[in-house]
Every structure is written in C-alpha cells, then in structure tokens.
Amino acid sequence: MNRFLFAHLLFSAVTSALMSSLVCGVATFRMVGASAAFVHVWSGAWFFAWPVAFIVLVSIGPFVRKTVYRGCKCPMAVPSQEPHETR
C-alpha cells in the first residue's frame, strides 16, 4: 500500500470516527438526555454509524475535495511524490 492511500484511509478513519461519535452523541443526548441509558444508546448508535461514515468518506471524499477546490479556484493540495533530500 502506498503512503498516499494509507494517508487517505487513516484520515477517513479518524475523521469518520470523530464526526460520527459527535453526531451520535448530540442526537442521543437530545433523545434520552443525561440519563443512565445515554452511554448504552450512544455506543449502539455509534457502532452502526461509524462504518457507514467511513465507507462514505473513503468512497466520495476525493470527489468532494476536488469539487471544493475547483469551486474555490484553489490549486489542488497534493503532497509531492518525490523523495525529500536529506542534507
């Protein structure tokens, strides 16, 4: 696996885990409040939501990034593929 694919998968895993846990937490808190059931309900929702968020981010993330950069008329921020020189 090349480092760019690894970086994309790692970024997608971390971002989807954080966002899905936050969104599930807010939705669960709105639904059950600060009750004893909060952690149980939240963890069940997050366990289901995280893989979905990960798959969506891995599959359409590059398309969304390119579309946003085009819309902002920004150059694509792609890391250099050339090895760095050490001095």
C-alpha atoms as a PDB file:
ATOM      1  CA  MET A   1       0.000   0.000   0.000  1.00  0.00           C
ATOM      2  CA  ASN A   2       1.468   3.350  -0.946  1.00  0.00           C
ATOM      3  CA  ARG A   3       1.658   6.150   1.600  1.00  0.00           C
ATOM      4  CA  PHE A   4      -0.983   8.316  -0.121  1.00  0.00           C
ATOM      5  CA  LEU A   5      -3.587   5.565   0.042  1.00  0.00           C
ATOM      6  CA  PHE A   6      -2.613   4.879   3.656  1.00  0.00           C
ATOM      7  CA  ALA A   7      -2.915   8.587   4.490  1.00  0.00           C
ATOM      8  CA  HIS A   8      -6.365   8.761   2.855  1.00  0.00           C
ATOM      9  CA  LEU A   9      -7.582   5.680   4.754  1.00  0.00           C
ATOM     10  CA  LEU A  10      -6.165   6.924   8.065  1.00  0.00           C
ATOM     11  CA  PHE A  11      -7.648  10.406   7.579  1.00  0.00           C
ATOM     12  CA  SER A  12     -11.017   8.838   6.690  1.00  0.00           C
ATOM     13  CA  ALA A  13     -10.935   6.539   9.723  1.00  0.00           C
ATOM     14  CA  VAL A  14     -10.098   9.297  12.200  1.00  0.00           C
ATOM     15  CA  THR A  15     -12.466  11.872  10.699  1.00  0.00           C
ATOM     16  CA  SER A  16     -15.387   9.453  10.422  1.00  0.00           C
ATOM     17  CA  ALA A  17     -14.835   8.181  13.978  1.00  0.00           C
ATOM     18  CA  LEU A  18     -14.786  11.695  15.436  1.00  0.00           C
ATOM     19  CA  MET A  19     -17.699  13.067  13.429  1.00  0.00           C
ATOM     20  CA  SER A  20     -19.949  10.033  13.868  1.00  0.00           C
ATOM     21  CA  SER A  21     -19.274   9.921  17.619  1.00  0.00           C
ATOM     22  CA  LEU A  22     -20.057  13.629  17.942  1.00  0.00           C
ATOM     23  CA  VAL A  23     -23.234  13.488  15.848  1.00  0.00           C
ATOM     24  CA  CYS A  24     -24.442  10.315  17.585  1.00  0.00           C
ATOM     25  CA  GLY A  25     -23.680  11.911  20.942  1.00  0.00           C
ATOM     26  CA  VAL A  26     -25.690  15.034  20.167  1.00  0.00           C
ATOM     27  CA  ALA A  27     -28.614  13.058  18.746  1.00  0.00           C
ATOM     28  CA  THR A  28     -28.566  10.601  21.665  1.00  0.00           C
ATOM     29  CA  PHE A  29     -28.427  13.411  24.224  1.00  0.00           C
ATOM     30  CA  ARG A  30     -31.401  15.070  22.548  1.00  0.00           C
ATOM     31  CA  MET A  31     -33.286  11.768  22.572  1.00  0.00           C
ATOM     32  CA  VAL A  32     -32.552  10.387  26.071  1.00  0.00           C
ATOM     33  CA  GLY A  33     -30.901  13.286  27.909  1.00  0.00           C
ATOM     34  CA  ALA A  34     -28.275  12.795  30.591  1.00  0.00           C
ATOM     35  CA  SER A  35     -29.740   9.532  31.792  1.00  0.00           C
ATOM     36  CA  ALA A  36     -28.185   6.217  32.748  1.00  0.00           C
ATOM     37  CA  ALA A  37     -29.072   4.895  29.294  1.00  0.00           C
ATOM     38  CA  PHE A  38     -27.018   7.543  27.454  1.00  0.00           C
ATOM     39  CA  VAL A  39     -23.787   5.554  27.058  1.00  0.00           C
ATOM     40  CA  HIS A  40     -25.600   2.368  26.053  1.00  0.00           C
ATOM     41  CA  VAL A  41     -27.760   4.106  23.423  1.00  0.00           C
ATOM     42  CA  TRP A  42     -24.888   6.270  22.144  1.00  0.00           C
ATOM     43  CA  SER A  43     -22.462   3.344  21.787  1.00  0.00           C
ATOM     44  CA  GLY A  44     -25.039   1.294  19.886  1.00  0.00           C
ATOM     45  CA  ALA A  45     -25.731   4.176  17.510  1.00  0.00           C
ATOM     46  CA  TRP A  46     -22.039   4.917  17.024  1.00  0.00           C
ATOM     47  CA  PHE A  47     -21.187   1.249  16.422  1.00  0.00           C
ATOM     48  CA  PHE A  48     -23.622   1.297  13.497  1.00  0.00           C
ATOM     49  CA  ALA A  49     -22.841   4.813  12.211  1.00  0.00           C
ATOM     50  CA  TRP A  50     -19.038   4.711  12.153  1.00  0.00           C
ATOM     51  CA  PRO A  51     -18.607   2.056   9.416  1.00  0.00           C
ATOM     52  CA  VAL A  52     -21.191   3.842   7.271  1.00  0.00           C
ATOM     53  CA  ALA A  53     -19.407   7.186   7.697  1.00  0.00           C
ATOM     54  CA  PHE A  54     -16.040   5.564   6.967  1.00  0.00           C
ATOM     55  CA  ILE A  55     -17.224   3.932   3.745  1.00  0.00           C
ATOM     56  CA  VAL A  56     -18.857   7.149   2.551  1.00  0.00           C
ATOM     57  CA  LEU A  57     -15.774   9.221   3.337  1.00  0.00           C
ATOM     58  CA  VAL A  58     -13.388   6.770   1.668  1.00  0.00           C
ATOM     59  CA  SER A  59     -15.527   6.497  -1.446  1.00  0.00           C
ATOM     60  CA  ILE A  60     -16.629  10.088  -2.107  1.00  0.00           C
ATOM     61  CA  GLY A  61     -14.043  12.056  -0.117  1.00  0.00           C
ATOM     62  CA  PRO A  62     -11.667  12.588  -3.053  1.00  0.00           C
ATOM     63  CA  PHE A  63     -14.527  13.721  -5.320  1.00  0.00           C
ATOM     64  CA  VAL A  64     -15.794  16.203  -2.696  1.00  0.00           C
ATOM     65  CA  ARG A  65     -12.266  17.542  -2.120  1.00  0.00           C
ATOM     66  CA  LYS A  66     -11.712  18.103  -5.861  1.00  0.00           C
ATOM     67  CA  THR A  67     -15.115  19.762  -6.243  1.00  0.00           C
ATOM     68  CA  VAL A  68     -14.484  22.142  -3.342  1.00  0.00           C
ATOM     69  CA  TYR A  69     -11.027  23.067  -4.608  1.00  0.00           C
ATOM     70  CA  ARG A  70     -12.423  23.751  -8.077  1.00  0.00           C
ATOM     71  CA  GLY A  71     -15.243  25.846  -6.603  1.00  0.00           C
ATOM     72  CA  CYS A  72     -12.753  27.909  -4.596  1.00  0.00           C
ATOM     73  CA  LYS A  73     -10.412  28.127  -7.592  1.00  0.00           C
ATOM     74  CA  CYS A  74      -7.621  26.753  -5.403  1.00  0.00           C
ATOM     75  CA  PRO A  75      -4.748  24.624  -6.629  1.00  0.00           C
ATOM     76  CA  MET A  76      -5.020  21.012  -5.529  1.00  0.00           C
ATOM     77  CA  ALA A  77      -3.089  20.374  -2.334  1.00  0.00           C
ATOM     78  CA  VAL A  78      -1.357  17.152  -3.256  1.00  0.00           C
ATOM     79  CA  PRO A  79       1.818  16.209  -1.413  1.00  0.00           C
ATOM     80  CA  SER A  80       4.924  15.887  -3.514  1.00  0.00           C
ATOM     81  CA  GLN A  81       5.592  12.353  -4.666  1.00  0.00           C
ATOM     82  CA  GLU A  82       9.321  12.948  -4.988  1.00  0.00           C
ATOM     83  CA  PRO A  83      11.554  11.733  -2.149  1.00  0.00           C
ATOM     84  CA  HIS A  84      12.896  14.522   0.018  1.00  0.00           C
ATOM     85  CA  GLU A  85      16.597  15.169   0.003  1.00  0.00           C
ATOM     86  CA  THR A  86      18.412  14.860   3.316  1.00  0.00           C
ATOM     87  CA  ARG A  87      21.366  17.111   3.979  1.00  0.00           C
END
